[in-house]
Amino acid sequence: MKRRLRRFGIALVASAATLCGCVNFSNRVPAGSEYWGGYAAEKRFELAIDLTVIRTGPIDGLEGRRLQLVKESIGRWTDIAASAPTINRPAVLGVLKSGTKIRIAKLVRNHGLNFYFGTHDDLTLYAEVMDGPMAGRLVDISPVSKRWRPSNEVAWRYSPIPQFLRLAESET
């Protein structure tokens, strides 16, 4: 009887792992960690050009639905949203104008194991919009940052791209 119960338990765990397929750990990266790359917590930047704000689809990445700054024009993102599958359709919210100030707020690290694809390790960088119609909102600025990885590391790092973000005058 114990043997049968043990086999059932192992089969149950294996089935659940196969169906779920993923174990993910999400944690906020402490300020000063090497994962911050070219950014630092609380540093202020301003947008060098107009950037589009979208709300990602619910199954977009490990962080799920979030506001995101993207470099493509609002017209281009409207076309992308229209052609996306209904379940994961992004919403185009508007444009943050050049000169809008943002403050680096947090860095989130998602890492774990996917039964089908192996290990994963990803970073999402958030900034708070300081002025304009979206003041106070957190936006993912990873898409408008340079993505790089040290040769012996698994996780990516981000650095500002001067074409999109420049240090605010109070920071220089």
C-alpha atoms as a PDB file:
ATOM      1  CA  MET A   1       0.000   0.000   0.000  1.00  0.00           C
ATOM      2  CA  LYS A   2       2.793   2.450   0.889  1.00  0.00           C
ATOM      3  CA  ARG A   3       4.522   1.698  -2.398  1.00  0.00           C
ATOM      4  CA  ARG A   4       1.334   2.362  -4.349  1.00  0.00           C
ATOM      5  CA  LEU A   5       0.778   5.621  -2.456  1.00  0.00           C
ATOM      6  CA  ARG A   6       4.388   6.705  -3.124  1.00  0.00           C
ATOM      7  CA  ARG A   7       4.025   5.989  -6.857  1.00  0.00           C
ATOM      8  CA  PHE A   8       0.785   7.935  -6.916  1.00  0.00           C
ATOM      9  CA  GLY A   9       2.483  10.886  -5.176  1.00  0.00           C
ATOM     10  CA  ILE A  10       5.408  10.856  -7.616  1.00  0.00           C
ATOM     11  CA  ALA A  11       3.027  10.617 -10.579  1.00  0.00           C
ATOM     12  CA  LEU A  12       0.945  13.482  -9.198  1.00  0.00           C
ATOM     13  CA  VAL A  13       3.993  15.755  -8.739  1.00  0.00           C
ATOM     14  CA  ALA A  14       5.361  14.849 -12.198  1.00  0.00           C
ATOM     15  CA  SER A  15       1.968  15.557 -13.795  1.00  0.00           C
ATOM     16  CA  ALA A  16       1.640  18.905 -12.026  1.00  0.00           C
ATOM     17  CA  ALA A  17       5.179  19.900 -13.070  1.00  0.00           C
ATOM     18  CA  THR A  18       4.438  18.931 -16.668  1.00  0.00           C
ATOM     19  CA  LEU A  19       1.155  20.843 -16.757  1.00  0.00           C
ATOM     20  CA  CYS A  20       2.484  23.949 -15.009  1.00  0.00           C
ATOM     21  CA  GLY A  21       5.827  23.794 -16.759  1.00  0.00           C
ATOM     22  CA  CYS A  22       7.418  26.664 -14.878  1.00  0.00           C
ATOM     23  CA  VAL A  23       8.840  27.662 -11.527  1.00  0.00           C
ATOM     24  CA  ASN A  24       9.560  31.377 -11.286  1.00  0.00           C
ATOM     25  CA  PHE A  25      11.040  33.453  -8.483  1.00  0.00           C
ATOM     26  CA  SER A  26      10.498  37.187  -8.703  1.00  0.00           C
ATOM     27  CA  ASN A  27      12.359  39.570  -6.431  1.00  0.00           C
ATOM     28  CA  ARG A  28      13.303  43.217  -6.277  1.00  0.00           C
ATOM     29  CA  VAL A  29      17.028  43.791  -6.822  1.00  0.00           C
ATOM     30  CA  PRO A  30      18.628  45.854  -4.009  1.00  0.00           C
ATOM     31  CA  ALA A  31      20.139  49.234  -4.903  1.00  0.00           C
ATOM     32  CA  GLY A  32      23.864  49.016  -5.559  1.00  0.00           C
ATOM     33  CA  SER A  33      23.740  45.463  -6.934  1.00  0.00           C
ATOM     34  CA  GLU A  34      25.766  44.756 -10.078  1.00  0.00           C
ATOM     35  CA  TYR A  35      22.468  43.869 -11.809  1.00  0.00           C
ATOM     36  CA  TRP A  36      21.661  47.586 -12.094  1.00  0.00           C
ATOM     37  CA  GLY A  37      24.207  47.881 -14.937  1.00  0.00           C
ATOM     38  CA  GLY A  38      24.380  51.502 -16.125  1.00  0.00           C
ATOM     39  CA  TYR A  39      21.439  52.672 -13.999  1.00  0.00           C
ATOM     40  CA  ALA A  40      21.119  53.466 -10.301  1.00  0.00           C
ATOM     41  CA  ALA A  41      18.051  53.628  -8.057  1.00  0.00           C
ATOM     42  CA  GLU A  42      16.526  57.104  -7.707  1.00  0.00           C
ATOM     43  CA  LYS A  43      18.558  58.523 -10.646  1.00  0.00           C
ATOM     44  CA  ARG A  44      16.525  60.992 -12.726  1.00  0.00           C
ATOM     45  CA  PHE A  45      16.428  61.081 -16.518  1.00  0.00           C
ATOM     46  CA  GLU A  46      14.475  62.977 -19.129  1.00  0.00           C
ATOM     47  CA  LEU A  47      13.224  61.710 -22.438  1.00  0.00           C
ATOM     48  CA  ALA A  48      15.350  62.857 -25.369  1.00  0.00           C
ATOM     49  CA  ILE A  49      12.556  62.115 -27.886  1.00  0.00           C
ATOM     50  CA  ASP A  50       8.826  61.382 -27.796  1.00  0.00           C
ATOM     51  CA  LEU A  51       8.219  57.778 -26.701  1.00  0.00           C
ATOM     52  CA  THR A  52       5.040  55.707 -26.987  1.00  0.00           C
ATOM     53  CA  VAL A  53       3.445  54.203 -23.862  1.00  0.00           C
ATOM     54  CA  ILE A  54       1.726  50.836 -24.222  1.00  0.00           C
ATOM     55  CA  ARG A  55       0.088  48.422 -21.813  1.00  0.00           C
ATOM     56  CA  THR A  56       1.480  44.990 -22.606  1.00  0.00           C
ATOM     57  CA  GLY A  57      -0.699  41.940 -23.034  1.00  0.00           C
ATOM     58  CA  PRO A  58      -1.389  39.772 -19.962  1.00  0.00           C
ATOM     59  CA  ILE A  59       0.977  37.011 -21.073  1.00  0.00           C
ATOM     60  CA  ASP A  60       3.862  39.195 -22.212  1.00  0.00           C
ATOM     61  CA  GLY A  61       6.994  38.174 -20.344  1.00  0.00           C
ATOM     62  CA  LEU A  62       7.483  37.094 -16.771  1.00  0.00           C
ATOM     63  CA  GLU A  63       6.305  40.413 -15.341  1.00  0.00           C
ATOM     64  CA  GLY A  64       2.907  40.127 -17.032  1.00  0.00           C
ATOM     65  CA  ARG A  65       0.709  43.145 -17.814  1.00  0.00           C
ATOM     66  CA  ARG A  66       2.536  46.460 -17.315  1.00  0.00           C
ATOM     67  CA  LEU A  67       3.046  49.896 -18.835  1.00  0.00           C
ATOM     68  CA  GLN A  68       6.039  50.021 -21.150  1.00  0.00           C
ATOM     69  CA  LEU A  69       7.941  52.761 -22.982  1.00  0.00           C
ATOM     70  CA  VAL A  70       8.696  51.837 -26.595  1.00  0.00           C
ATOM     71  CA  LYS A  71      10.557  53.689 -29.309  1.00  0.00           C
ATOM     72  CA  GLU A  72       8.219  52.897 -32.208  1.00  0.00           C
ATOM     73  CA  SER A  73       5.677  55.544 -33.165  1.00  0.00           C
ATOM     74  CA  ILE A  74       2.128  55.504 -31.859  1.00  0.00           C
ATOM     75  CA  GLY A  75       0.891  54.719 -35.400  1.00  0.00           C
ATOM     76  CA  ARG A  76       3.171  51.689 -35.649  1.00  0.00           C
ATOM     77  CA  TRP A  77       2.011  50.388 -32.258  1.00  0.00           C
ATOM     78  CA  THR A  78      -1.628  50.878 -33.212  1.00  0.00           C
ATOM     79  CA  ASP A  79      -0.993  48.592 -36.210  1.00  0.00           C
ATOM     80  CA  ILE A  80       0.814  46.041 -34.014  1.00  0.00           C
ATOM     81  CA  ALA A  81      -2.027  46.040 -31.474  1.00  0.00           C
ATOM     82  CA  ALA A  82      -4.641  45.578 -34.196  1.00  0.00           C
ATOM     83  CA  SER A  83      -2.868  42.498 -35.582  1.00  0.00           C
ATOM     84  CA  ALA A  84      -2.060  40.861 -32.195  1.00  0.00           C
ATOM     85  CA  PRO A  85      -4.071  37.867 -30.942  1.00  0.00           C
ATOM     86  CA  THR A  86      -7.007  39.047 -28.833  1.00  0.00           C
ATOM     87  CA  ILE A  87      -5.757  37.268 -25.703  1.00  0.00           C
ATOM     88  CA  ASN A  88      -2.428  39.137 -25.679  1.00  0.00           C
ATOM     89  CA  ARG A  89      -3.272  42.420 -27.390  1.00  0.00           C
ATOM     90  CA  PRO A  90      -1.278  45.438 -26.181  1.00  0.00           C
ATOM     91  CA  ALA A  91      -3.104  48.716 -25.638  1.00  0.00           C
ATOM     92  CA  VAL A  92      -1.634  51.965 -26.949  1.00  0.00           C
ATOM     93  CA  LEU A  93      -2.056  54.589 -24.214  1.00  0.00           C
ATOM     94  CA  GLY A  94      -0.349  57.638 -25.689  1.00  0.00           C
ATOM     95  CA  VAL A  95       2.950  59.458 -25.987  1.00  0.00           C
ATOM     96  CA  LEU A  96       5.320  60.849 -23.377  1.00  0.00           C
ATOM     97  CA  LYS A  97       6.812  64.015 -24.831  1.00  0.00           C
ATOM     98  CA  SER A  98      10.494  64.830 -25.101  1.00  0.00           C
ATOM     99  CA  GLY A  99      11.668  66.461 -21.872  1.00  0.00           C
ATOM    100  CA  THR A 100       9.361  64.388 -19.638  1.00  0.00           C
ATOM    101  CA  LYS A 101      11.235  63.489 -16.454  1.00  0.00           C
ATOM    102  CA  ILE A 102      11.415  59.984 -15.039  1.00  0.00           C
ATOM    103  CA  ARG A 103      12.990  58.573 -11.878  1.00  0.00           C
ATOM    104  CA  ILE A 104      14.475  55.064 -11.789  1.00  0.00           C
ATOM    105  CA  ALA A 105      12.239  53.261  -9.296  1.00  0.00           C
ATOM    106  CA  LYS A 106      12.993  49.550  -9.165  1.00  0.00           C
ATOM    107  CA  LEU A 107      14.633  46.601 -10.860  1.00  0.00           C
ATOM    108  CA  VAL A 108      12.856  43.235 -10.760  1.00  0.00           C
ATOM    109  CA  ARG A 109      14.672  39.960 -11.376  1.00  0.00           C
ATOM    110  CA  ASN A 110      12.721  36.895 -12.520  1.00  0.00           C
ATOM    111  CA  HIS A 111      14.635  33.648 -12.479  1.00  0.00           C
ATOM    112  CA  GLY A 112      13.770  29.995 -12.341  1.00  0.00           C
ATOM    113  CA  LEU A 113      13.224  26.849 -14.336  1.00  0.00           C
ATOM    114  CA  ASN A 114      10.885  26.104 -17.190  1.00  0.00           C
ATOM    115  CA  PHE A 115      10.192  22.411 -17.714  1.00  0.00           C
ATOM    116  CA  TYR A 116      10.147  22.852 -21.499  1.00  0.00           C
ATOM    117  CA  PHE A 117      12.811  25.521 -22.115  1.00  0.00           C
ATOM    118  CA  GLY A 118      15.300  25.212 -19.248  1.00  0.00           C
ATOM    119  CA  THR A 119      16.411  27.998 -16.928  1.00  0.00           C
ATOM    120  CA  HIS A 120      15.461  31.646 -17.288  1.00  0.00           C
ATOM    121  CA  ASP A 121      16.900  34.806 -15.788  1.00  0.00           C
ATOM    122  CA  ASP A 122      15.499  38.174 -16.795  1.00  0.00           C
ATOM    123  CA  LEU A 123      15.481  41.744 -15.491  1.00  0.00           C
ATOM    124  CA  THR A 124      12.748  44.370 -15.844  1.00  0.00           C
ATOM    125  CA  LEU A 125      13.646  48.002 -15.129  1.00  0.00           C
ATOM    126  CA  TYR A 126      10.922  50.380 -13.926  1.00  0.00           C
ATOM    127  CA  ALA A 127      10.857  54.167 -13.744  1.00  0.00           C
ATOM    128  CA  GLU A 128       8.281  56.523 -12.276  1.00  0.00           C
ATOM    129  CA  VAL A 129       6.969  59.260 -14.566  1.00  0.00           C
ATOM    130  CA  MET A 130       7.565  62.546 -12.728  1.00  0.00           C
ATOM    131  CA  ASP A 131       5.522  65.010 -14.789  1.00  0.00           C
ATOM    132  CA  GLY A 132       2.924  65.219 -17.537  1.00  0.00           C
ATOM    133  CA  PRO A 133      -0.378  63.358 -17.843  1.00  0.00           C
ATOM    134  CA  MET A 134       1.069  60.040 -16.600  1.00  0.00           C
ATOM    135  CA  ALA A 135       2.850  61.450 -13.529  1.00  0.00           C
ATOM    136  CA  GLY A 136       3.151  58.889 -10.756  1.00  0.00           C
ATOM    137  CA  ARG A 137       2.800  55.858 -13.045  1.00  0.00           C
ATOM    138  CA  LEU A 138       5.464  53.146 -13.204  1.00  0.00           C
ATOM    139  CA  VAL A 139       6.673  52.248 -16.693  1.00  0.00           C
ATOM    140  CA  ASP A 140       9.009  49.505 -17.885  1.00  0.00           C
ATOM    141  CA  ILE A 141      11.926  51.270 -19.620  1.00  0.00           C
ATOM    142  CA  SER A 142      13.782  48.105 -20.633  1.00  0.00           C
ATOM    143  CA  PRO A 143      12.795  48.423 -24.334  1.00  0.00           C
ATOM    144  CA  VAL A 144      14.447  51.860 -24.590  1.00  0.00           C
ATOM    145  CA  SER A 145      17.635  50.771 -22.824  1.00  0.00           C
ATOM    146  CA  LYS A 146      20.756  49.050 -24.101  1.00  0.00           C
ATOM    147  CA  ARG A 147      20.675  45.362 -23.178  1.00  0.00           C
ATOM    148  CA  TRP A 148      23.987  43.630 -22.519  1.00  0.00           C
ATOM    149  CA  ARG A 149      25.324  40.662 -20.598  1.00  0.00           C
ATOM    150  CA  PRO A 150      28.731  40.054 -18.998  1.00  0.00           C
ATOM    151  CA  SER A 151      30.374  36.997 -20.561  1.00  0.00           C
ATOM    152  CA  ASN A 152      30.230  34.858 -17.419  1.00  0.00           C
ATOM    153  CA  GLU A 153      26.705  35.814 -16.322  1.00  0.00           C
ATOM    154  CA  VAL A 154      23.223  34.550 -17.106  1.00  0.00           C
ATOM    155  CA  ALA A 155      21.241  37.730 -16.358  1.00  0.00           C
ATOM    156  CA  TRP A 156      21.184  40.720 -18.677  1.00  0.00           C
ATOM    157  CA  ARG A 157      22.023  44.275 -17.628  1.00  0.00           C
ATOM    158  CA  TYR A 158      20.642  47.589 -18.930  1.00  0.00           C
ATOM    159  CA  SER A 159      22.255  50.936 -19.639  1.00  0.00           C
ATOM    160  CA  PRO A 160      20.691  54.202 -20.836  1.00  0.00           C
ATOM    161  CA  ILE A 161      20.747  54.938 -24.567  1.00  0.00           C
ATOM    162  CA  PRO A 162      21.431  58.690 -24.989  1.00  0.00           C
ATOM    163  CA  GLN A 163      19.219  58.756 -28.099  1.00  0.00           C
ATOM    164  CA  PHE A 164      16.212  58.015 -25.835  1.00  0.00           C
ATOM    165  CA  LEU A 165      17.191  58.988 -22.270  1.00  0.00           C
ATOM    166  CA  ARG A 166      19.546  61.624 -20.899  1.00  0.00           C
ATOM    167  CA  LEU A 167      20.423  62.504 -17.336  1.00  0.00           C
ATOM    168  CA  ALA A 168      18.148  65.208 -15.953  1.00  0.00           C
ATOM    169  CA  GLU A 169      19.869  68.548 -15.325  1.00  0.00           C
ATOM    170  CA  SER A 170      19.596  68.060 -11.561  1.00  0.00           C
ATOM    171  CA  GLU A 171      21.706  64.871 -11.919  1.00  0.00           C
ATOM    172  CA  THR A 172      24.592  66.347 -13.947  1.00  0.00           C
END
